[in-house]
Every structure is written in C-alpha cells, then in structure tokens.
PDB file of N, CA and C in Angstrom:
ATOM      1  N   MET A   1     -62.143-159.677  35.257  1.00  0.00           N
ATOM      2  CA  MET A   1     -60.702-159.977  34.647  1.00  0.00           C
ATOM      3  C   MET A   1     -60.643-158.943  33.465  1.00  0.00           C
ATOM      4  N   ILE A   2     -59.538-158.244  33.351  1.00  0.00           N
ATOM      5  CA  ILE A   2     -59.162-157.362  32.387  1.00  0.00           C
ATOM      6  C   ILE A   2     -58.718-158.254  31.147  1.00  0.00           C
ATOM      7  N   SER A   3     -59.396-157.955  30.101  1.00  0.00           N
ATOM      8  CA  SER A   3     -58.984-158.609  28.755  1.00  0.00           C
ATOM      9  C   SER A   3     -58.014-157.642  27.953  1.00  0.00           C
ATOM     10  N   LEU A   4     -57.037-158.239  27.459  1.00  0.00           N
ATOM     11  CA  LEU A   4     -56.163-157.380  26.459  1.00  0.00           C
ATOM     12  C   LEU A   4     -56.648-157.585  25.076  1.00  0.00           C
ATOM     13  N   TYR A   5     -57.273-156.645  24.355  1.00  0.00           N
ATOM     14  CA  TYR A   5     -57.857-156.736  22.998  1.00  0.00           C
ATOM     15  C   TYR A   5     -56.622-156.882  22.023  1.00  0.00           C
ATOM     16  N   ARG A   6     -55.533-156.222  22.278  1.00  0.00           N
ATOM     17  CA  ARG A   6     -54.338-156.240  21.381  1.00  0.00           C
ATOM     18  C   ARG A   6     -53.951-157.548  20.951  1.00  0.00           C
ATOM     19  N   VAL A   7     -54.216-158.515  21.669  1.00  0.00           N
ATOM     20  CA  VAL A   7     -53.743-159.902  21.320  1.00  0.00           C
ATOM     21  C   VAL A   7     -54.719-160.610  20.354  1.00  0.00           C
ATOM     22  N   GLU A   8     -55.905-159.933  20.019  1.00  0.00           N
ATOM     23  CA  GLU A   8     -56.669-160.403  19.093  1.00  0.00           C
ATOM     24  C   GLU A   8     -56.660-159.778  17.831  1.00  0.00           C
ATOM     25  N   LEU A   9     -56.236-160.410  16.677  1.00  0.00           N
ATOM     26  CA  LEU A   9     -56.086-159.963  15.547  1.00  0.00           C
ATOM     27  C   LEU A   9     -57.127-159.198  14.989  1.00  0.00           C
ATOM     28  N   ARG A  10     -58.379-159.661  15.140  1.00  0.00           N
ATOM     29  CA  ARG A  10     -59.673-159.051  14.574  1.00  0.00           C
ATOM     30  C   ARG A  10     -59.796-157.554  15.296  1.00  0.00           C
ATOM     31  N   VAL A  11     -59.151-157.357  16.178  1.00  0.00           N
ATOM     32  CA  VAL A  11     -59.218-155.984  17.003  1.00  0.00           C
ATOM     33  C   VAL A  11     -58.015-155.285  16.714  1.00  0.00           C
ATOM     34  N   LEU A  12     -56.762-155.826  16.670  1.00  0.00           N
ATOM     35  CA  LEU A  12     -55.570-155.308  16.555  1.00  0.00           C
ATOM     36  C   LEU A  12     -55.484-154.742  15.118  1.00  0.00           C
ATOM     37  N   VAL A  13     -55.676-155.519  14.168  1.00  0.00           N
ATOM     38  CA  VAL A  13     -55.573-155.028  12.809  1.00  0.00           C
ATOM     39  C   VAL A  13     -56.286-153.773  12.338  1.00  0.00           C
ATOM     40  N   PRO A  14     -57.434-153.545  12.724  1.00  0.00           N
ATOM     41  CA  PRO A  14     -58.092-152.179  12.391  1.00  0.00           C
ATOM     42  C   PRO A  14     -57.702-151.210  13.354  1.00  0.00           C
ATOM     43  N   ALA A  15     -57.264-151.440  14.415  1.00  0.00           N
ATOM     44  CA  ALA A  15     -56.609-150.411  15.403  1.00  0.00           C
ATOM     45  C   ALA A  15     -55.406-149.934  14.941  1.00  0.00           C
ATOM     46  N   ALA A  16     -54.615-150.875  14.408  1.00  0.00           N
ATOM     47  CA  ALA A  16     -53.354-150.436  13.715  1.00  0.00           C
ATOM     48  C   ALA A  16     -53.602-149.619  12.411  1.00  0.00           C
ATOM     49  N   ILE A  17     -54.532-149.989  11.739  1.00  0.00           N
ATOM     50  CA  ILE A  17     -54.927-149.170  10.474  1.00  0.00           C
ATOM     51  C   ILE A  17     -55.360-147.829  10.820  1.00  0.00           C
ATOM     52  N   ALA A  18     -56.169-147.747  11.826  1.00  0.00           N
ATOM     53  CA  ALA A  18     -56.512-146.460  12.542  1.00  0.00           C
ATOM     54  C   ALA A  18     -55.315-145.554  12.832  1.00  0.00           C
ATOM     55  N   LEU A  19     -54.404-146.242  13.498  1.00  0.00           N
ATOM     56  CA  LEU A  19     -53.366-145.385  13.875  1.00  0.00           C
ATOM     57  C   LEU A  19     -52.434-144.953  12.801  1.00  0.00           C
ATOM     58  N   ALA A  20     -52.347-145.831  11.656  1.00  0.00           N
ATOM     59  CA  ALA A  20     -51.568-145.501  10.389  1.00  0.00           C
ATOM     60  C   ALA A  20     -52.294-144.399   9.782  1.00  0.00           C
ATOM     61  N   GLY A  21     -53.610-144.385   9.766  1.00  0.00           N
ATOM     62  CA  GLY A  21     -54.434-143.149   9.142  1.00  0.00           C
ATOM     63  C   GLY A  21     -54.249-142.034   9.776  1.00  0.00           C
ATOM     64  N   LEU A  22     -54.192-141.862  11.092  1.00  0.00           N
ATOM     65  CA  LEU A  22     -53.893-140.797  11.686  1.00  0.00           C
ATOM     66  C   LEU A  22     -52.444-140.160  11.494  1.00  0.00           C
ATOM     67  N   VAL A  23     -51.555-140.975  11.574  1.00  0.00           N
ATOM     68  CA  VAL A  23     -50.222-140.669  11.294  1.00  0.00           C
ATOM     69  C   VAL A  23     -50.028-140.296   9.824  1.00  0.00           C
ATOM     70  N   ALA A  24     -50.477-140.873   8.864  1.00  0.00           N
ATOM     71  CA  ALA A  24     -50.559-140.286   7.426  1.00  0.00           C
ATOM     72  C   ALA A  24     -51.219-139.017   7.463  1.00  0.00           C
ATOM     73  N   ALA A  25     -52.365-138.728   8.092  1.00  0.00           N
ATOM     74  CA  ALA A  25     -52.937-137.458   7.986  1.00  0.00           C
ATOM     75  C   ALA A  25     -52.035-136.424   8.626  1.00  0.00           C
ATOM     76  N   GLN A  26     -51.134-136.612   9.456  1.00  0.00           N
ATOM     77  CA  GLN A  26     -50.255-135.906  10.143  1.00  0.00           C
ATOM     78  C   GLN A  26     -49.149-135.393   9.094  1.00  0.00           C
ATOM     79  N   VAL A  27     -48.777-136.516   8.368  1.00  0.00           N
ATOM     80  CA  VAL A  27     -47.680-136.410   7.390  1.00  0.00           C
ATOM     81  C   VAL A  27     -48.017-135.331   6.337  1.00  0.00           C
ATOM     82  N   VAL A  28     -49.300-135.749   5.813  1.00  0.00           N
ATOM     83  CA  VAL A  28     -49.925-134.717   4.755  1.00  0.00           C
ATOM     84  C   VAL A  28     -50.020-133.440   5.121  1.00  0.00           C
ATOM     85  N   PHE A  29     -50.442-133.168   6.456  1.00  0.00           N
ATOM     86  CA  PHE A  29     -50.406-131.757   6.969  1.00  0.00           C
ATOM     87  C   PHE A  29     -49.052-131.202   6.966  1.00  0.00           C
ATOM     88  N   TRP A  30     -48.147-131.813   7.611  1.00  0.00           N
ATOM     89  CA  TRP A  30     -46.835-131.264   7.756  1.00  0.00           C
ATOM     90  C   TRP A  30     -46.041-131.221   6.446  1.00  0.00           C
ATOM     91  N   VAL A  31     -46.173-131.863   5.502  1.00  0.00           N
ATOM     92  CA  VAL A  31     -45.308-131.910   4.158  1.00  0.00           C
ATOM     93  C   VAL A  31     -46.051-131.020   3.088  1.00  0.00           C
ATOM     94  N   TRP A  32     -47.372-130.967   3.105  1.00  0.00           N
ATOM     95  CA  TRP A  32     -48.037-130.247   2.159  1.00  0.00           C
ATOM     96  C   TRP A  32     -48.932-129.152   2.493  1.00  0.00           C
ATOM     97  N   THR A  33     -49.598-129.072   3.686  1.00  0.00           N
ATOM     98  CA  THR A  33     -50.482-128.180   4.076  1.00  0.00           C
ATOM     99  C   THR A  33     -49.825-126.957   4.595  1.00  0.00           C
ATOM    100  N   PHE A  34     -49.046-127.391   5.522  1.00  0.00           N
ATOM    101  CA  PHE A  34     -48.339-126.304   6.431  1.00  0.00           C
ATOM    102  C   PHE A  34     -47.376-125.555   5.725  1.00  0.00           C
ATOM    103  N   PRO A  35     -46.677-125.988   4.842  1.00  0.00           N
ATOM    104  CA  PRO A  35     -45.751-125.224   3.763  1.00  0.00           C
ATOM    105  C   PRO A  35     -46.588-124.132   2.911  1.00  0.00           C
ATOM    106  N   ALA A  36     -47.875-124.707   2.533  1.00  0.00           N
ATOM    107  CA  ALA A  36     -48.485-123.699   1.676  1.00  0.00           C
ATOM    108  C   ALA A  36     -49.111-122.615   2.491  1.00  0.00           C
ATOM    109  N   ASN A  37     -49.458-122.986   3.898  1.00  0.00           N
ATOM    110  CA  ASN A  37     -49.958-121.975   4.872  1.00  0.00           C
ATOM    111  C   ASN A  37     -48.754-120.824   5.066  1.00  0.00           C
ATOM    112  N   GLN A  38     -47.611-121.397   5.173  1.00  0.00           N
ATOM    113  CA  GLN A  38     -46.378-120.553   5.467  1.00  0.00           C
ATOM    114  C   GLN A  38     -45.880-119.663   4.303  1.00  0.00           C
ATOM    115  N   ALA A  39     -46.121-120.320   3.094  1.00  0.00           N
ATOM    116  CA  ALA A  39     -45.603-119.519   1.912  1.00  0.00           C
ATOM    117  C   ALA A  39     -46.611-118.295   1.652  1.00  0.00           C
ATOM    118  N   THR A  40     -47.857-118.607   2.195  1.00  0.00           N
ATOM    119  CA  THR A  40     -48.910-117.391   1.865  1.00  0.00           C
ATOM    120  C   THR A  40     -49.185-116.492   2.967  1.00  0.00           C
ATOM    121  N   GLY A  41     -48.245-116.781   4.171  1.00  0.00           N
ATOM    122  CA  GLY A  41     -48.539-116.086   5.385  1.00  0.00           C
ATOM    123  C   GLY A  41     -50.087-116.292   5.891  1.00  0.00           C
ATOM    124  N   ASN A  42     -50.393-117.735   5.919  1.00  0.00           N
ATOM    125  CA  ASN A  42     -51.703-117.968   6.266  1.00  0.00           C
ATOM    126  C   ASN A  42     -52.715-117.336   5.459  1.00  0.00           C
ATOM    127  N   TRP A  43     -52.545-117.238   4.199  1.00  0.00           N
ATOM    128  CA  TRP A  43     -53.562-116.798   3.213  1.00  0.00           C
ATOM    129  C   TRP A  43     -53.786-115.307   3.305  1.00  0.00           C
ATOM    130  N   THR A  44     -52.689-114.528   3.722  1.00  0.00           N
ATOM    131  CA  THR A  44     -52.926-113.157   3.873  1.00  0.00           C
ATOM    132  C   THR A  44     -52.001-112.478   2.598  1.00  0.00           C
ATOM    133  N   GLN A  45     -51.082-113.218   2.069  1.00  0.00           N
ATOM    134  CA  GLN A  45     -50.258-112.771   0.960  1.00  0.00           C
ATOM    135  C   GLN A  45     -50.510-113.587  -0.346  1.00  0.00           C
ATOM    136  N   GLN A  46     -50.103-113.034  -1.381  1.00  0.00           N
ATOM    137  CA  GLN A  46     -50.433-113.747  -2.714  1.00  0.00           C
ATOM    138  C   GLN A  46     -48.952-113.826  -3.339  1.00  0.00           C
ATOM    139  N   PRO A  47     -48.276-114.995  -3.057  1.00  0.00           N
ATOM    140  CA  PRO A  47     -47.219-115.138  -3.808  1.00  0.00           C
ATOM    141  C   PRO A  47     -47.164-115.489  -5.389  1.00  0.00           C
ATOM    142  N   ALA A  48     -46.179-115.399  -6.092  1.00  0.00           N
ATOM    143  CA  ALA A  48     -46.333-115.634  -7.568  1.00  0.00           C
ATOM    144  C   ALA A  48     -46.811-116.960  -7.887  1.00  0.00           C
ATOM    145  N   ASN A  49     -46.463-118.056  -7.137  1.00  0.00           N
ATOM    146  CA  ASN A  49     -47.117-119.331  -7.547  1.00  0.00           C
ATOM    147  C   ASN A  49     -48.258-119.651  -6.683  1.00  0.00           C
ATOM    148  N   TRP A  50     -49.183-118.508  -6.411  1.00  0.00           N
ATOM    149  CA  TRP A  50     -50.479-118.729  -5.696  1.00  0.00           C
ATOM    150  C   TRP A  50     -51.305-119.823  -6.129  1.00  0.00           C
ATOM    151  N   GLU A  51     -51.237-119.863  -7.423  1.00  0.00           N
ATOM    152  CA  GLU A  51     -52.365-121.059  -7.932  1.00  0.00           C
ATOM    153  C   GLU A  51     -51.955-122.488  -7.522  1.00  0.00           C
ATOM    154  N   ALA A  52     -50.535-122.579  -7.833  1.00  0.00           N
ATOM    155  CA  ALA A  52     -49.999-124.069  -7.306  1.00  0.00           C
ATOM    156  C   ALA A  52     -50.065-124.349  -5.967  1.00  0.00           C
ATOM    157  N   LEU A  53     -49.834-123.315  -5.192  1.00  0.00           N
ATOM    158  CA  LEU A  53     -49.853-123.443  -3.650  1.00  0.00           C
ATOM    159  C   LEU A  53     -51.455-123.702  -3.274  1.00  0.00           C
ATOM    160  N   ARG A  54     -52.495-123.061  -3.959  1.00  0.00           N
ATOM    161  CA  ARG A  54     -53.788-123.311  -3.609  1.00  0.00           C
ATOM    162  C   ARG A  54     -54.218-124.691  -3.952  1.00  0.00           C
ATOM    163  N   THR A  55     -53.757-125.099  -5.120  1.00  0.00           N
ATOM    164  CA  THR A  55     -53.937-126.516  -5.381  1.00  0.00           C
ATOM    165  C   THR A  55     -53.418-127.543  -4.527  1.00  0.00           C
ATOM    166  N   GLN A  56     -52.195-127.336  -4.236  1.00  0.00           N
ATOM    167  CA  GLN A  56     -51.550-128.221  -3.230  1.00  0.00           C
ATOM    168  C   GLN A  56     -52.277-128.262  -1.896  1.00  0.00           C
ATOM    169  N   TRP A  57     -52.733-126.970  -1.405  1.00  0.00           N
ATOM    170  CA  TRP A  57     -53.422-126.797  -0.175  1.00  0.00           C
ATOM    171  C   TRP A  57     -54.808-127.509  -0.160  1.00  0.00           C
ATOM    172  N   GLU A  58     -55.524-127.481  -1.356  1.00  0.00           N
ATOM    173  CA  GLU A  58     -56.820-128.177  -1.416  1.00  0.00           C
ATOM    174  C   GLU A  58     -56.675-129.602  -1.460  1.00  0.00           C
ATOM    175  N   TYR A  59     -55.677-130.045  -2.189  1.00  0.00           N
ATOM    176  CA  TYR A  59     -55.702-131.626  -2.420  1.00  0.00           C
ATOM    177  C   TYR A  59     -55.133-132.267  -0.982  1.00  0.00           C
ATOM    178  N   SER A  60     -54.266-131.428  -0.358  1.00  0.00           N
ATOM    179  CA  SER A  60     -53.793-132.059   0.889  1.00  0.00           C
ATOM    180  C   SER A  60     -54.864-132.022   1.916  1.00  0.00           C
ATOM    181  N   HIS A  61     -55.714-131.042   1.952  1.00  0.00           N
ATOM    182  CA  HIS A  61     -56.974-131.205   2.781  1.00  0.00           C
ATOM    183  C   HIS A  61     -57.732-132.367   2.387  1.00  0.00           C
ATOM    184  N   LEU A  62     -57.957-132.649   1.147  1.00  0.00           N
ATOM    185  CA  LEU A  62     -58.682-133.863   0.623  1.00  0.00           C
ATOM    186  C   LEU A  62     -57.920-135.079   1.239  1.00  0.00           C
ATOM    187  N   ALA A  63     -56.731-135.143   0.892  1.00  0.00           N
ATOM    188  CA  ALA A  63     -55.983-136.501   1.407  1.00  0.00           C
ATOM    189  C   ALA A  63     -56.114-136.527   2.839  1.00  0.00           C
ATOM    190  N   GLY A  64     -55.772-135.461   3.741  1.00  0.00           N
ATOM    191  CA  GLY A  64     -55.924-135.692   4.956  1.00  0.00           C
ATOM    192  C   GLY A  64     -57.248-136.012   5.628  1.00  0.00           C
ATOM    193  N   ALA A  65     -58.267-135.497   5.077  1.00  0.00           N
ATOM    194  CA  ALA A  65     -59.746-135.844   5.336  1.00  0.00           C
ATOM    195  C   ALA A  65     -60.162-137.426   5.111  1.00  0.00           C
ATOM    196  N   ALA A  66     -59.585-137.845   3.990  1.00  0.00           N
ATOM    197  CA  ALA A  66     -59.547-139.140   3.438  1.00  0.00           C
ATOM    198  C   ALA A  66     -58.832-140.198   4.507  1.00  0.00           C
ATOM    199  N   PHE A  67     -57.605-139.694   5.016  1.00  0.00           N
ATOM    200  CA  PHE A  67     -56.925-140.509   5.854  1.00  0.00           C
ATOM    201  C   PHE A  67     -57.589-140.512   7.298  1.00  0.00           C
ATOM    202  N   GLN A  68     -58.297-139.337   7.648  1.00  0.00           N
ATOM    203  CA  GLN A  68     -58.939-139.365   8.968  1.00  0.00           C
ATOM    204  C   GLN A  68     -60.203-140.209   8.970  1.00  0.00           C
ATOM    205  N   THR A  69     -60.985-140.248   7.770  1.00  0.00           N
ATOM    206  CA  THR A  69     -62.041-140.981   7.615  1.00  0.00           C
ATOM    207  C   THR A  69     -61.721-142.521   7.656  1.00  0.00           C
ATOM    208  N   LEU A  70     -60.786-142.824   6.928  1.00  0.00           N
ATOM    209  CA  LEU A  70     -60.224-144.374   7.129  1.00  0.00           C
ATOM    210  C   LEU A  70     -59.849-144.620   8.516  1.00  0.00           C
ATOM    211  N   ALA A  71     -59.244-143.780   9.331  1.00  0.00           N
ATOM    212  CA  ALA A  71     -58.893-144.079  10.793  1.00  0.00           C
ATOM    213  C   ALA A  71     -60.194-144.187  11.573  1.00  0.00           C
ATOM    214  N   MET A  72     -61.238-143.240  11.328  1.00  0.00           N
ATOM    215  CA  MET A  72     -62.361-143.373  12.195  1.00  0.00           C
ATOM    216  C   MET A  72     -63.147-144.697  11.863  1.00  0.00           C
ATOM    217  N   VAL A  73     -63.285-145.066  10.531  1.00  0.00           N
ATOM    218  CA  VAL A  73     -63.934-146.362  10.167  1.00  0.00           C
ATOM    219  C   VAL A  73     -63.087-147.429  10.784  1.00  0.00           C
ATOM    220  N   ALA A  74     -61.933-147.595  10.675  1.00  0.00           N
ATOM    221  CA  ALA A  74     -61.056-148.678  11.249  1.00  0.00           C
ATOM    222  C   ALA A  74     -61.175-148.643  12.804  1.00  0.00           C
ATOM    223  N   LEU A  75     -61.290-147.523  13.330  1.00  0.00           N
ATOM    224  CA  LEU A  75     -61.481-147.515  14.800  1.00  0.00           C
ATOM    225  C   LEU A  75     -62.784-148.101  15.292  1.00  0.00           C
ATOM    226  N   ILE A  76     -63.825-147.520  14.611  1.00  0.00           N
ATOM    227  CA  ILE A  76     -65.233-148.175  14.840  1.00  0.00           C
ATOM    228  C   ILE A  76     -65.339-149.640  14.484  1.00  0.00           C
ATOM    229  N   THR A  77     -64.787-150.111  13.597  1.00  0.00           N
ATOM    230  CA  THR A  77     -64.567-151.501  13.138  1.00  0.00           C
ATOM    231  C   THR A  77     -64.018-152.237  14.300  1.00  0.00           C
ATOM    232  N   ALA A  78     -62.756-151.700  14.899  1.00  0.00           N
ATOM    233  CA  ALA A  78     -62.057-152.359  16.006  1.00  0.00           C
ATOM    234  C   ALA A  78     -62.858-152.483  17.138  1.00  0.00           C
ATOM    235  N   VAL A  79     -63.656-151.349  17.486  1.00  0.00           N
ATOM    236  CA  VAL A  79     -64.456-151.461  18.677  1.00  0.00           C
ATOM    237  C   VAL A  79     -65.612-152.516  18.493  1.00  0.00           C
ATOM    238  N   LEU A  80     -66.231-152.567  17.443  1.00  0.00           N
ATOM    239  CA  LEU A  80     -67.351-153.421  17.003  1.00  0.00           C
ATOM    240  C   LEU A  80     -66.894-154.980  17.082  1.00  0.00           C
ATOM    241  N   ARG A  81     -65.603-155.223  16.885  1.00  0.00           N
ATOM    242  CA  ARG A  81     -65.164-156.584  16.673  1.00  0.00           C
ATOM    243  C   ARG A  81     -64.636-157.108  18.138  1.00  0.00           C
ATOM    244  N   ARG A  82     -64.800-156.370  19.148  1.00  0.00           N
ATOM    245  CA  ARG A  82     -64.394-156.689  20.570  1.00  0.00           C
ATOM    246  C   ARG A  82     -65.494-157.703  20.870  1.00  0.00           C
ATOM    247  N   PRO A  83     -64.956-158.892  21.404  1.00  0.00           N
ATOM    248  CA  PRO A  83     -65.895-159.813  22.005  1.00  0.00           C
ATOM    249  C   PRO A  83     -66.829-159.411  23.131  1.00  0.00           C
TER     250      PRO A  83
END
C-alpha cells in the first residue's frame, strides 16, 4: 500500500522548510546576484559602483549557499524521519 508522507508532520515540516529554502535561494539570486551580473556585463565591464556591486554579489552568493544548505539539511531530515 502506498503511504502519503505529507500527512505526517515530522516529514511535512522539514520538507516544507526545504522548499522554502530553495525558494529563498532563488529570490536572493534574482534580486541581488542577477542584477549585479547584468550591471557588470557578467563581469566584463567595470562600472563606477563596481566595489558595491562586488560586495552585493559576494554576499548574495553567501546567502544563497546558506539557504541551499538549509534546504539540503531539511530534505535529508525529512527523508530520515519517514517511518
């Protein structure tokens, strides 16, 4: 018989956290990383605010990686909590 794990909170909650982490990583990319890439022509041009863009780009990668790590840990937790 097929069991639906989405009805079990101990599986559903970490799976939802994983989904939220992936969505948050995408938001970070499209709001901060992508505009910095566009403003610099994918880092082939050096605009006047280059240092600010570089800082924005670096920290957005850090935040994206943190959200993706959170998502992976939550997903592993959801899998391990299945009965």
